[in-house]
Amino acid sequence: MGFEPPQRLVRALGESYGDTAAGEWLAGLPALTEQALAATGRAPVVERVAAPGGRSSLVLLVRGADGTPAALKLAPSGAAPELEQAALAHWNGWGAVRLLDPADGGRPVAG
């Protein structure tokens, strides 16, 4: 998996978690990405990194084996994405992205 995380994310993670912890998480991104892609059960392929991206997570634009576009968001465990996840689940694709249902292959991955 060859991609470069946006520098904005690299800097922000260093500020939030310290350079050592941020560096360790960033170094583990290729393996975490592979794990997350496999967990979807849809055999998605990474098309590109969303840049400039956010300050707490990496967003990858992917395409499933059936051609369906999706976004894969990876965040360090300290980012606590539960509120965002709840809000997106509430909106269910109306004016926001639709979360994949775990039964449909959208399983969270520890990171």
PDB file of N, CA and C in Angstrom:
ATOM      1  N   MET A   1       0.860  -1.160   0.000  1.00  0.00           N
ATOM      2  CA  MET A   1       0.000   0.000   0.000  1.00  0.00           C
ATOM      3  C   MET A   1       0.903   1.219   0.000  1.00  0.00           C
ATOM      4  N   GLY A   2       0.948   1.911  -1.110  1.00  0.00           N
ATOM      5  CA  GLY A   2       1.813   3.064  -1.176  1.00  0.00           C
ATOM      6  C   GLY A   2       1.041   4.369  -1.232  1.00  0.00           C
ATOM      7  N   PHE A   3       0.995   5.089  -0.140  1.00  0.00           N
ATOM      8  CA  PHE A   3       0.391   6.418  -0.122  1.00  0.00           C
ATOM      9  C   PHE A   3       1.070   7.220   0.967  1.00  0.00           C
ATOM     10  N   GLU A   4       1.002   8.509   0.810  1.00  0.00           N
ATOM     11  CA  GLU A   4       1.616   9.442   1.754  1.00  0.00           C
ATOM     12  C   GLU A   4       0.515  10.160   2.522  1.00  0.00           C
ATOM     13  N   PRO A   5       0.533  10.113   3.864  1.00  0.00           N
ATOM     14  CA  PRO A   5      -0.479  10.866   4.611  1.00  0.00           C
ATOM     15  C   PRO A   5      -0.253  12.366   4.419  1.00  0.00           C
ATOM     16  N   PRO A   6      -1.321  13.142   4.375  1.00  0.00           N
ATOM     17  CA  PRO A   6      -1.184  14.589   4.214  1.00  0.00           C
ATOM     18  C   PRO A   6      -0.352  15.200   5.350  1.00  0.00           C
ATOM     19  N   GLN A   7       0.496  16.163   5.008  1.00  0.00           N
ATOM     20  CA  GLN A   7       1.355  16.809   6.009  1.00  0.00           C
ATOM     21  C   GLN A   7       0.541  17.508   7.088  1.00  0.00           C
ATOM     22  N   ARG A   8      -0.621  18.003   6.733  1.00  0.00           N
ATOM     23  CA  ARG A   8      -1.503  18.629   7.723  1.00  0.00           C
ATOM     24  C   ARG A   8      -1.836  17.632   8.836  1.00  0.00           C
ATOM     25  N   LEU A   9      -2.131  16.396   8.471  1.00  0.00           N
ATOM     26  CA  LEU A   9      -2.442  15.352   9.444  1.00  0.00           C
ATOM     27  C   LEU A   9      -1.203  14.989  10.257  1.00  0.00           C
ATOM     28  N   VAL A  10      -0.074  14.851   9.600  1.00  0.00           N
ATOM     29  CA  VAL A  10       1.174  14.501  10.293  1.00  0.00           C
ATOM     30  C   VAL A  10       1.486  15.540  11.367  1.00  0.00           C
ATOM     31  N   ARG A  11       1.400  16.819  11.011  1.00  0.00           N
ATOM     32  CA  ARG A  11       1.668  17.898  11.975  1.00  0.00           C
ATOM     33  C   ARG A  11       0.662  17.886  13.121  1.00  0.00           C
ATOM     34  N   ALA A  12      -0.613  17.758  12.787  1.00  0.00           N
ATOM     35  CA  ALA A  12      -1.660  17.807  13.816  1.00  0.00           C
ATOM     36  C   ALA A  12      -1.549  16.639  14.788  1.00  0.00           C
ATOM     37  N   LEU A  13      -1.249  15.446  14.287  1.00  0.00           N
ATOM     38  CA  LEU A  13      -1.095  14.293  15.176  1.00  0.00           C
ATOM     39  C   LEU A  13       0.099  14.485  16.100  1.00  0.00           C
ATOM     40  N   GLY A  14       1.182  15.051  15.574  1.00  0.00           N
ATOM     41  CA  GLY A  14       2.348  15.330  16.401  1.00  0.00           C
ATOM     42  C   GLY A  14       2.019  16.310  17.512  1.00  0.00           C
ATOM     43  N   GLU A  15       1.216  17.325  17.195  1.00  0.00           N
ATOM     44  CA  GLU A  15       0.808  18.310  18.202  1.00  0.00           C
ATOM     45  C   GLU A  15      -0.114  17.690  19.248  1.00  0.00           C
ATOM     46  N   SER A  16      -1.005  16.801  18.817  1.00  0.00           N
ATOM     47  CA  SER A  16      -2.001  16.213  19.719  1.00  0.00           C
ATOM     48  C   SER A  16      -1.468  15.068  20.569  1.00  0.00           C
ATOM     49  N   TYR A  17      -0.659  14.205  19.960  1.00  0.00           N
ATOM     50  CA  TYR A  17      -0.230  12.975  20.635  1.00  0.00           C
ATOM     51  C   TYR A  17       1.270  12.916  20.918  1.00  0.00           C
ATOM     52  N   GLY A  18       2.015  13.883  20.405  1.00  0.00           N
ATOM     53  CA  GLY A  18       3.468  13.847  20.515  1.00  0.00           C
ATOM     54  C   GLY A  18       4.048  13.165  19.285  1.00  0.00           C
ATOM     55  N   ASP A  19       5.251  13.576  18.918  1.00  0.00           N
ATOM     56  CA  ASP A  19       5.861  13.066  17.693  1.00  0.00           C
ATOM     57  C   ASP A  19       6.087  11.560  17.716  1.00  0.00           C
ATOM     58  N   THR A  20       6.459  11.015  18.873  1.00  0.00           N
ATOM     59  CA  THR A  20       6.736   9.576  18.952  1.00  0.00           C
ATOM     60  C   THR A  20       5.470   8.764  18.730  1.00  0.00           C
ATOM     61  N   ALA A  21       4.413   9.069  19.472  1.00  0.00           N
ATOM     62  CA  ALA A  21       3.150   8.325  19.333  1.00  0.00           C
ATOM     63  C   ALA A  21       2.563   8.521  17.941  1.00  0.00           C
ATOM     64  N   ALA A  22       2.615   9.737  17.439  1.00  0.00           N
ATOM     65  CA  ALA A  22       2.090  10.005  16.096  1.00  0.00           C
ATOM     66  C   ALA A  22       2.883   9.233  15.055  1.00  0.00           C
ATOM     67  N   GLY A  23       4.200   9.227  15.198  1.00  0.00           N
ATOM     68  CA  GLY A  23       5.050   8.495  14.263  1.00  0.00           C
ATOM     69  C   GLY A  23       4.769   7.005  14.262  1.00  0.00           C
ATOM     70  N   GLU A  24       4.527   6.458  15.450  1.00  0.00           N
ATOM     71  CA  GLU A  24       4.215   5.026  15.540  1.00  0.00           C
ATOM     72  C   GLU A  24       2.892   4.720  14.842  1.00  0.00           C
ATOM     73  N   TRP A  25       1.878   5.559  15.076  1.00  0.00           N
ATOM     74  CA  TRP A  25       0.585   5.317  14.430  1.00  0.00           C
ATOM     75  C   TRP A  25       0.705   5.454  12.920  1.00  0.00           C
ATOM     76  N   LEU A  26       1.404   6.495  12.470  1.00  0.00           N
ATOM     77  CA  LEU A  26       1.576   6.703  11.037  1.00  0.00           C
ATOM     78  C   LEU A  26       2.356   5.556  10.396  1.00  0.00           C
ATOM     79  N   ALA A  27       3.357   5.034  11.103  1.00  0.00           N
ATOM     80  CA  ALA A  27       4.131   3.903  10.571  1.00  0.00           C
ATOM     81  C   ALA A  27       3.263   2.656  10.430  1.00  0.00           C
ATOM     82  N   GLY A  28       2.259   2.523  11.283  1.00  0.00           N
ATOM     83  CA  GLY A  28       1.368   1.369  11.225  1.00  0.00           C
ATOM     84  C   GLY A  28       0.211   1.525  10.255  1.00  0.00           C
ATOM     85  N   LEU A  29       0.103   2.684   9.597  1.00  0.00           N
ATOM     86  CA  LEU A  29      -1.023   2.931   8.695  1.00  0.00           C
ATOM     87  C   LEU A  29      -1.152   1.920   7.554  1.00  0.00           C
ATOM     88  N   PRO A  30      -0.070   1.521   6.903  1.00  0.00           N
ATOM     89  CA  PRO A  30      -0.243   0.538   5.821  1.00  0.00           C
ATOM     90  C   PRO A  30      -0.907  -0.754   6.303  1.00  0.00           C
ATOM     91  N   ALA A  31      -0.473  -1.282   7.436  1.00  0.00           N
ATOM     92  CA  ALA A  31      -1.075  -2.510   7.965  1.00  0.00           C
ATOM     93  C   ALA A  31      -2.508  -2.256   8.420  1.00  0.00           C
ATOM     94  N   LEU A  32      -2.752  -1.125   9.073  1.00  0.00           N
ATOM     95  CA  LEU A  32      -4.100  -0.783   9.526  1.00  0.00           C
ATOM     96  C   LEU A  32      -5.042  -0.626   8.332  1.00  0.00           C
ATOM     97  N   THR A  33      -4.546  -0.016   7.268  1.00  0.00           N
ATOM     98  CA  THR A  33      -5.351   0.157   6.060  1.00  0.00           C
ATOM     99  C   THR A  33      -5.726  -1.189   5.464  1.00  0.00           C
ATOM    100  N   GLU A  34      -4.749  -2.077   5.345  1.00  0.00           N
ATOM    101  CA  GLU A  34      -5.027  -3.417   4.808  1.00  0.00           C
ATOM    102  C   GLU A  34      -6.060  -4.140   5.668  1.00  0.00           C
ATOM    103  N   GLN A  35      -5.923  -4.033   6.983  1.00  0.00           N
ATOM    104  CA  GLN A  35      -6.860  -4.674   7.911  1.00  0.00           C
ATOM    105  C   GLN A  35      -8.264  -4.093   7.731  1.00  0.00           C
ATOM    106  N   ALA A  36      -8.354  -2.782   7.632  1.00  0.00           N
ATOM    107  CA  ALA A  36      -9.657  -2.129   7.480  1.00  0.00           C
ATOM    108  C   ALA A  36     -10.297  -2.480   6.140  1.00  0.00           C
ATOM    109  N   LEU A  37      -9.503  -2.509   5.084  1.00  0.00           N
ATOM    110  CA  LEU A  37     -10.038  -2.873   3.773  1.00  0.00           C
ATOM    111  C   LEU A  37     -10.557  -4.303   3.782  1.00  0.00           C
ATOM    112  N   ALA A  38      -9.806  -5.203   4.388  1.00  0.00           N
ATOM    113  CA  ALA A  38     -10.227  -6.605   4.464  1.00  0.00           C
ATOM    114  C   ALA A  38     -11.493  -6.752   5.304  1.00  0.00           C
ATOM    115  N   ALA A  39     -11.620  -5.944   6.357  1.00  0.00           N
ATOM    116  CA  ALA A  39     -12.772  -6.045   7.259  1.00  0.00           C
ATOM    117  C   ALA A  39     -14.080  -5.643   6.594  1.00  0.00           C
ATOM    118  N   THR A  40     -14.013  -4.880   5.502  1.00  0.00           N
ATOM    119  CA  THR A  40     -15.249  -4.476   4.838  1.00  0.00           C
ATOM    120  C   THR A  40     -15.923  -5.642   4.138  1.00  0.00           C
ATOM    121  N   GLY A  41     -15.151  -6.652   3.768  1.00  0.00           N
ATOM    122  CA  GLY A  41     -15.709  -7.783   3.045  1.00  0.00           C
ATOM    123  C   GLY A  41     -16.107  -7.444   1.622  1.00  0.00           C
ATOM    124  N   ARG A  42     -15.692  -6.281   1.127  1.00  0.00           N
ATOM    125  CA  ARG A  42     -16.094  -5.835  -0.214  1.00  0.00           C
ATOM    126  C   ARG A  42     -14.924  -5.740  -1.189  1.00  0.00           C
ATOM    127  N   ALA A  43     -13.746  -6.119  -0.772  1.00  0.00           N
ATOM    128  CA  ALA A  43     -12.539  -6.053  -1.600  1.00  0.00           C
ATOM    129  C   ALA A  43     -12.330  -4.682  -2.236  1.00  0.00           C
ATOM    130  N   PRO A  44     -12.411  -3.604  -1.441  1.00  0.00           N
ATOM    131  CA  PRO A  44     -12.219  -2.278  -2.030  1.00  0.00           C
ATOM    132  C   PRO A  44     -10.757  -2.014  -2.387  1.00  0.00           C
ATOM    133  N   VAL A  45     -10.584  -1.101  -3.314  1.00  0.00           N
ATOM    134  CA  VAL A  45      -9.264  -0.682  -3.763  1.00  0.00           C
ATOM    135  C   VAL A  45      -9.127   0.807  -3.460  1.00  0.00           C
ATOM    136  N   VAL A  46      -7.984   1.200  -2.903  1.00  0.00           N
ATOM    137  CA  VAL A  46      -7.740   2.615  -2.608  1.00  0.00           C
ATOM    138  C   VAL A  46      -7.475   3.352  -3.912  1.00  0.00           C
ATOM    139  N   GLU A  47      -8.240   4.416  -4.145  1.00  0.00           N
ATOM    140  CA  GLU A  47      -8.026   5.251  -5.323  1.00  0.00           C
ATOM    141  C   GLU A  47      -7.088   6.408  -5.018  1.00  0.00           C
ATOM    142  N   ARG A  48      -7.312   7.053  -3.862  1.00  0.00           N
ATOM    143  CA  ARG A  48      -6.425   8.161  -3.479  1.00  0.00           C
ATOM    144  C   ARG A  48      -6.705   8.586  -2.050  1.00  0.00           C
ATOM    145  N   VAL A  49      -5.778   9.367  -1.522  1.00  0.00           N
ATOM    146  CA  VAL A  49      -5.923   9.964  -0.193  1.00  0.00           C
ATOM    147  C   VAL A  49      -6.682  11.274  -0.360  1.00  0.00           C
ATOM    148  N   ALA A  50      -7.657  11.509   0.515  1.00  0.00           N
ATOM    149  CA  ALA A  50      -8.366  12.790   0.506  1.00  0.00           C
ATOM    150  C   ALA A  50      -7.446  13.830   1.135  1.00  0.00           C
ATOM    151  N   ALA A  51      -7.078  14.845   0.350  1.00  0.00           N
ATOM    152  CA  ALA A  51      -6.158  15.862   0.837  1.00  0.00           C
ATOM    153  C   ALA A  51      -6.774  17.232   0.588  1.00  0.00           C
ATOM    154  N   PRO A  52      -6.587  18.222   1.443  1.00  0.00           N
ATOM    155  CA  PRO A  52      -5.604  18.194   2.509  1.00  0.00           C
ATOM    156  C   PRO A  52      -6.011  17.340   3.691  1.00  0.00           C
ATOM    157  N   GLY A  53      -7.249  16.915   3.763  1.00  0.00           N
ATOM    158  CA  GLY A  53      -7.660  16.033   4.849  1.00  0.00           C
ATOM    159  C   GLY A  53      -7.889  16.776   6.147  1.00  0.00           C
ATOM    160  N   GLY A  54      -8.254  15.997   7.138  1.00  0.00           N
ATOM    161  CA  GLY A  54      -8.528  16.557   8.450  1.00  0.00           C
ATOM    162  C   GLY A  54      -7.304  16.603   9.336  1.00  0.00           C
ATOM    163  N   ARG A  55      -7.548  16.918  10.590  1.00  0.00           N
ATOM    164  CA  ARG A  55      -6.449  17.041  11.544  1.00  0.00           C
ATOM    165  C   ARG A  55      -6.404  15.881  12.527  1.00  0.00           C
ATOM    166  N   SER A  56      -7.336  14.929  12.405  1.00  0.00           N
ATOM    167  CA  SER A  56      -7.336  13.831  13.372  1.00  0.00           C
ATOM    168  C   SER A  56      -7.483  12.461  12.740  1.00  0.00           C
ATOM    169  N   SER A  57      -7.617  12.396  11.422  1.00  0.00           N
ATOM    170  CA  SER A  57      -7.809  11.099  10.780  1.00  0.00           C
ATOM    171  C   SER A  57      -7.364  11.147   9.325  1.00  0.00           C
ATOM    172  N   LEU A  58      -7.181   9.963   8.772  1.00  0.00           N
ATOM    173  CA  LEU A  58      -6.833   9.821   7.365  1.00  0.00           C
ATOM    174  C   LEU A  58      -8.069   9.314   6.638  1.00  0.00           C
ATOM    175  N   VAL A  59      -8.430   9.967   5.542  1.00  0.00           N
ATOM    176  CA  VAL A  59      -9.572   9.535   4.743  1.00  0.00           C
ATOM    177  C   VAL A  59      -9.050   9.069   3.390  1.00  0.00           C
ATOM    178  N   LEU A  60      -9.394   7.826   3.058  1.00  0.00           N
ATOM    179  CA  LEU A  60      -9.009   7.243   1.781  1.00  0.00           C
ATOM    180  C   LEU A  60     -10.260   7.065   0.934  1.00  0.00           C
ATOM    181  N   LEU A  61     -10.190   7.506  -0.303  1.00  0.00           N
ATOM    182  CA  LEU A  61     -11.295   7.281  -1.229  1.00  0.00           C
ATOM    183  C   LEU A  61     -11.067   5.915  -1.860  1.00  0.00           C
ATOM    184  N   VAL A  62     -12.062   5.052  -1.745  1.00  0.00           N
ATOM    185  CA  VAL A  62     -11.932   3.671  -2.212  1.00  0.00           C
ATOM    186  C   VAL A  62     -13.077   3.342  -3.161  1.00  0.00           C
ATOM    187  N   ARG A  63     -12.913   2.235  -3.865  1.00  0.00           N
ATOM    188  CA  ARG A  63     -13.959   1.745  -4.751  1.00  0.00           C
ATOM    189  C   ARG A  63     -14.076   0.252  -4.519  1.00  0.00           C
ATOM    190  N   GLY A  64     -15.310  -0.200  -4.271  1.00  0.00           N
ATOM    191  CA  GLY A  64     -15.561  -1.611  -4.032  1.00  0.00           C
ATOM    192  C   GLY A  64     -15.421  -2.428  -5.304  1.00  0.00           C
ATOM    193  N   ALA A  65     -15.376  -3.740  -5.159  1.00  0.00           N
ATOM    194  CA  ALA A  65     -15.248  -4.634  -6.303  1.00  0.00           C
ATOM    195  C   ALA A  65     -16.396  -4.440  -7.293  1.00  0.00           C
ATOM    196  N   ASP A  66     -17.558  -4.000  -6.796  1.00  0.00           N
ATOM    197  CA  ASP A  66     -18.715  -3.772  -7.667  1.00  0.00           C
ATOM    198  C   ASP A  66     -18.721  -2.370  -8.275  1.00  0.00           C
ATOM    199  N   GLY A  67     -17.676  -1.581  -7.995  1.00  0.00           N
ATOM    200  CA  GLY A  67     -17.564  -0.231  -8.539  1.00  0.00           C
ATOM    201  C   GLY A  67     -18.147   0.858  -7.667  1.00  0.00           C
ATOM    202  N   THR A  68     -18.741   0.493  -6.537  1.00  0.00           N
ATOM    203  CA  THR A  68     -19.349   1.473  -5.644  1.00  0.00           C
ATOM    204  C   THR A  68     -18.274   2.305  -4.944  1.00  0.00           C
ATOM    205  N   PRO A  69     -18.351   3.647  -5.033  1.00  0.00           N
ATOM    206  CA  PRO A  69     -17.379   4.483  -4.330  1.00  0.00           C
ATOM    207  C   PRO A  69     -17.700   4.543  -2.840  1.00  0.00           C
ATOM    208  N   ALA A  70     -16.655   4.700  -2.050  1.00  0.00           N
ATOM    209  CA  ALA A  70     -16.809   4.823  -0.599  1.00  0.00           C
ATOM    210  C   ALA A  70     -15.599   5.571  -0.061  1.00  0.00           C
ATOM    211  N   ALA A  71     -15.666   5.918   1.200  1.00  0.00           N
ATOM    212  CA  ALA A  71     -14.537   6.546   1.881  1.00  0.00           C
ATOM    213  C   ALA A  71     -14.225   5.715   3.111  1.00  0.00           C
ATOM    214  N   LEU A  72     -12.955   5.511   3.350  1.00  0.00           N
ATOM    215  CA  LEU A  72     -12.492   4.773   4.522  1.00  0.00           C
ATOM    216  C   LEU A  72     -11.779   5.770   5.417  1.00  0.00           C
ATOM    217  N   LYS A  73     -12.256   5.917   6.639  1.00  0.00           N
ATOM    218  CA  LYS A  73     -11.671   6.877   7.572  1.00  0.00           C
ATOM    219  C   LYS A  73     -10.939   6.114   8.663  1.00  0.00           C
ATOM    220  N   LEU A  74      -9.669   6.424   8.843  1.00  0.00           N
ATOM    221  CA  LEU A  74      -8.835   5.790   9.859  1.00  0.00           C
ATOM    222  C   LEU A  74      -8.372   6.852  10.843  1.00  0.00           C
ATOM    223  N   ALA A  75      -8.587   6.584  12.129  1.00  0.00           N
ATOM    224  CA  ALA A  75      -8.214   7.545  13.167  1.00  0.00           C
ATOM    225  C   ALA A  75      -7.530   6.816  14.310  1.00  0.00           C
ATOM    226  N   PRO A  76      -6.599   7.486  14.995  1.00  0.00           N
ATOM    227  CA  PRO A  76      -5.983   6.878  16.175  1.00  0.00           C
ATOM    228  C   PRO A  76      -7.046   6.603  17.234  1.00  0.00           C
ATOM    229  N   SER A  77      -6.784   5.647  18.086  1.00  0.00           N
ATOM    230  CA  SER A  77      -7.771   5.258  19.097  1.00  0.00           C
ATOM    231  C   SER A  77      -8.155   6.425  20.005  1.00  0.00           C
ATOM    232  N   GLY A  78      -7.287   7.373  20.216  1.00  0.00           N
ATOM    233  CA  GLY A  78      -7.590   8.516  21.072  1.00  0.00           C
ATOM    234  C   GLY A  78      -8.502   9.544  20.427  1.00  0.00           C
ATOM    235  N   ALA A  79      -8.788   9.400  19.152  1.00  0.00           N
ATOM    236  CA  ALA A  79      -9.613  10.389  18.449  1.00  0.00           C
ATOM    237  C   ALA A  79     -11.084  10.309  18.845  1.00  0.00           C
ATOM    238  N   ALA A  80     -11.525   9.202  19.399  1.00  0.00           N
ATOM    239  CA  ALA A  80     -12.902   9.012  19.893  1.00  0.00           C
ATOM    240  C   ALA A  80     -13.951   9.454  18.880  1.00  0.00           C
ATOM    241  N   PRO A  81     -14.117   8.722  17.789  1.00  0.00           N
ATOM    242  CA  PRO A  81     -15.049   9.132  16.730  1.00  0.00           C
ATOM    243  C   PRO A  81     -16.514   8.782  16.984  1.00  0.00           C
ATOM    244  N   GLU A  82     -16.849   8.387  18.211  1.00  0.00           N
ATOM    245  CA  GLU A  82     -18.205   7.910  18.489  1.00  0.00           C
ATOM    246  C   GLU A  82     -19.286   8.945  18.194  1.00  0.00           C
ATOM    247  N   LEU A  83     -19.041  10.215  18.529  1.00  0.00           N
ATOM    248  CA  LEU A  83     -20.051  11.251  18.281  1.00  0.00           C
ATOM    249  C   LEU A  83     -20.276  11.454  16.783  1.00  0.00           C
ATOM    250  N   GLU A  84     -19.194  11.484  16.029  1.00  0.00           N
ATOM    251  CA  GLU A  84     -19.323  11.622  14.577  1.00  0.00           C
ATOM    252  C   GLU A  84     -20.057  10.414  13.994  1.00  0.00           C
ATOM    253  N   GLN A  85     -19.716   9.240  14.467  1.00  0.00           N
ATOM    254  CA  GLN A  85     -20.365   8.021  13.993  1.00  0.00           C
ATOM    255  C   GLN A  85     -21.868   8.055  14.292  1.00  0.00           C
ATOM    256  N   ALA A  86     -22.236   8.487  15.489  1.00  0.00           N
ATOM    257  CA  ALA A  86     -23.654   8.575  15.858  1.00  0.00           C
ATOM    258  C   ALA A  86     -24.389   9.595  14.983  1.00  0.00           C
ATOM    259  N   ALA A  87     -23.751  10.736  14.726  1.00  0.00           N
ATOM    260  CA  ALA A  87     -24.384  11.759  13.891  1.00  0.00           C
ATOM    261  C   ALA A  87     -24.582  11.256  12.464  1.00  0.00           C
ATOM    262  N   LEU A  88     -23.566  10.617  11.904  1.00  0.00           N
ATOM    263  CA  LEU A  88     -23.684  10.099  10.541  1.00  0.00           C
ATOM    264  C   LEU A  88     -24.733   8.998  10.454  1.00  0.00           C
ATOM    265  N   ALA A  89     -24.805   8.168  11.479  1.00  0.00           N
ATOM    266  CA  ALA A  89     -25.827   7.117  11.500  1.00  0.00           C
ATOM    267  C   ALA A  89     -27.221   7.751  11.534  1.00  0.00           C
ATOM    268  N   HIS A  90     -27.367   8.827  12.306  1.00  0.00           N
ATOM    269  CA  HIS A  90     -28.658   9.518  12.391  1.00  0.00           C
ATOM    270  C   HIS A  90     -29.070  10.088  11.032  1.00  0.00           C
ATOM    271  N   TRP A  91     -28.142  10.725  10.322  1.00  0.00           N
ATOM    272  CA  TRP A  91     -28.457  11.350   9.035  1.00  0.00           C
ATOM    273  C   TRP A  91     -28.626  10.314   7.929  1.00  0.00           C
ATOM    274  N   ASN A  92     -27.993   9.166   8.063  1.00  0.00           N
ATOM    275  CA  ASN A  92     -28.168   8.033   7.140  1.00  0.00           C
ATOM    276  C   ASN A  92     -28.061   8.426   5.664  1.00  0.00           C
ATOM    277  N   GLY A  93     -27.048   9.226   5.344  1.00  0.00           N
ATOM    278  CA  GLY A  93     -26.811   9.584   3.951  1.00  0.00           C
ATOM    279  C   GLY A  93     -27.565  10.806   3.456  1.00  0.00           C
ATOM    280  N   TRP A  94     -28.406  11.394   4.274  1.00  0.00           N
ATOM    281  CA  TRP A  94     -29.162  12.569   3.863  1.00  0.00           C
ATOM    282  C   TRP A  94     -28.336  13.815   4.145  1.00  0.00           C
ATOM    283  N   GLY A  95     -27.643  14.330   3.139  1.00  0.00           N
ATOM    284  CA  GLY A  95     -26.786  15.494   3.301  1.00  0.00           C
ATOM    285  C   GLY A  95     -25.433  15.181   3.911  1.00  0.00           C
ATOM    286  N   ALA A  96     -25.141  13.916   4.096  1.00  0.00           N
ATOM    287  CA  ALA A  96     -23.862  13.476   4.672  1.00  0.00           C
ATOM    288  C   ALA A  96     -23.581  12.071   4.147  1.00  0.00           C
ATOM    289  N   VAL A  97     -22.382  11.596   4.390  1.00  0.00           N
ATOM    290  CA  VAL A  97     -22.079  10.232   3.952  1.00  0.00           C
ATOM    291  C   VAL A  97     -22.926   9.236   4.730  1.00  0.00           C
ATOM    292  N   ARG A  98     -23.207   8.109   4.101  1.00  0.00           N
ATOM    293  CA  ARG A  98     -23.942   7.033   4.766  1.00  0.00           C
ATOM    294  C   ARG A  98     -22.931   6.027   5.287  1.00  0.00           C
ATOM    295  N   LEU A  99     -23.048   5.713   6.560  1.00  0.00           N
ATOM    296  CA  LEU A  99     -22.167   4.711   7.149  1.00  0.00           C
ATOM    297  C   LEU A  99     -22.543   3.337   6.623  1.00  0.00           C
ATOM    298  N   LEU A 100     -21.526   2.518   6.394  1.00  0.00           N
ATOM    299  CA  LEU A 100     -21.795   1.135   6.034  1.00  0.00           C
ATOM    300  C   LEU A 100     -22.298   0.410   7.262  1.00  0.00           C
ATOM    301  N   ASP A 101     -23.328  -0.345   7.101  1.00  0.00           N
ATOM    302  CA  ASP A 101     -23.872  -1.152   8.193  1.00  0.00           C
ATOM    303  C   ASP A 101     -22.913  -2.304   8.460  1.00  0.00           C
ATOM    304  N   PRO A 102     -22.614  -2.599   9.732  1.00  0.00           N
ATOM    305  CA  PRO A 102     -21.732  -3.734  10.014  1.00  0.00           C
ATOM    306  C   PRO A 102     -22.196  -5.021   9.336  1.00  0.00           C
ATOM    307  N   ALA A 103     -23.486  -5.208   9.191  1.00  0.00           N
ATOM    308  CA  ALA A 103     -23.989  -6.411   8.518  1.00  0.00           C
ATOM    309  C   ALA A 103     -23.652  -6.391   7.031  1.00  0.00           C
ATOM    310  N   ASP A 104     -23.410  -5.184   6.486  1.00  0.00           N
ATOM    311  CA  ASP A 104     -23.051  -5.047   5.078  1.00  0.00           C
ATOM    312  C   ASP A 104     -21.545  -4.974   4.870  1.00  0.00           C
ATOM    313  N   GLY A 105     -20.771  -5.174   5.910  1.00  0.00           N
ATOM    314  CA  GLY A 105     -19.328  -5.161   5.773  1.00  0.00           C
ATOM    315  C   GLY A 105     -18.647  -3.928   6.305  1.00  0.00           C
ATOM    316  N   GLY A 106     -19.350  -3.015   6.944  1.00  0.00           N
ATOM    317  CA  GLY A 106     -18.742  -1.800   7.475  1.00  0.00           C
ATOM    318  C   GLY A 106     -18.354  -1.983   8.923  1.00  0.00           C
ATOM    319  N   ARG A 107     -17.365  -2.785   9.171  1.00  0.00           N
ATOM    320  CA  ARG A 107     -16.962  -3.080  10.547  1.00  0.00           C
ATOM    321  C   ARG A 107     -15.870  -2.121  11.002  1.00  0.00           C
ATOM    322  N   PRO A 108     -15.974  -1.627  12.238  1.00  0.00           N
ATOM    323  CA  PRO A 108     -14.894  -0.779  12.757  1.00  0.00           C
ATOM    324  C   PRO A 108     -13.638  -1.604  13.010  1.00  0.00           C
ATOM    325  N   VAL A 109     -12.511  -0.960  12.865  1.00  0.00           N
ATOM    326  CA  VAL A 109     -11.218  -1.612  13.079  1.00  0.00           C
ATOM    327  C   VAL A 109     -10.466  -0.828  14.135  1.00  0.00           C
ATOM    328  N   ALA A 110      -9.901  -1.512  15.110  1.00  0.00           N
ATOM    329  CA  ALA A 110      -9.133  -0.831  16.161  1.00  0.00           C
ATOM    330  C   ALA A 110      -7.883  -0.228  15.557  1.00  0.00           C
ATOM    331  N   GLY A 111      -7.535   0.964  16.007  1.00  0.00           N
ATOM    332  CA  GLY A 111      -6.340   1.590  15.471  1.00  0.00           C
ATOM    333  C   GLY A 111      -5.756   2.461  16.493  1.00  0.00           C
TER     334      GLY A 111
END
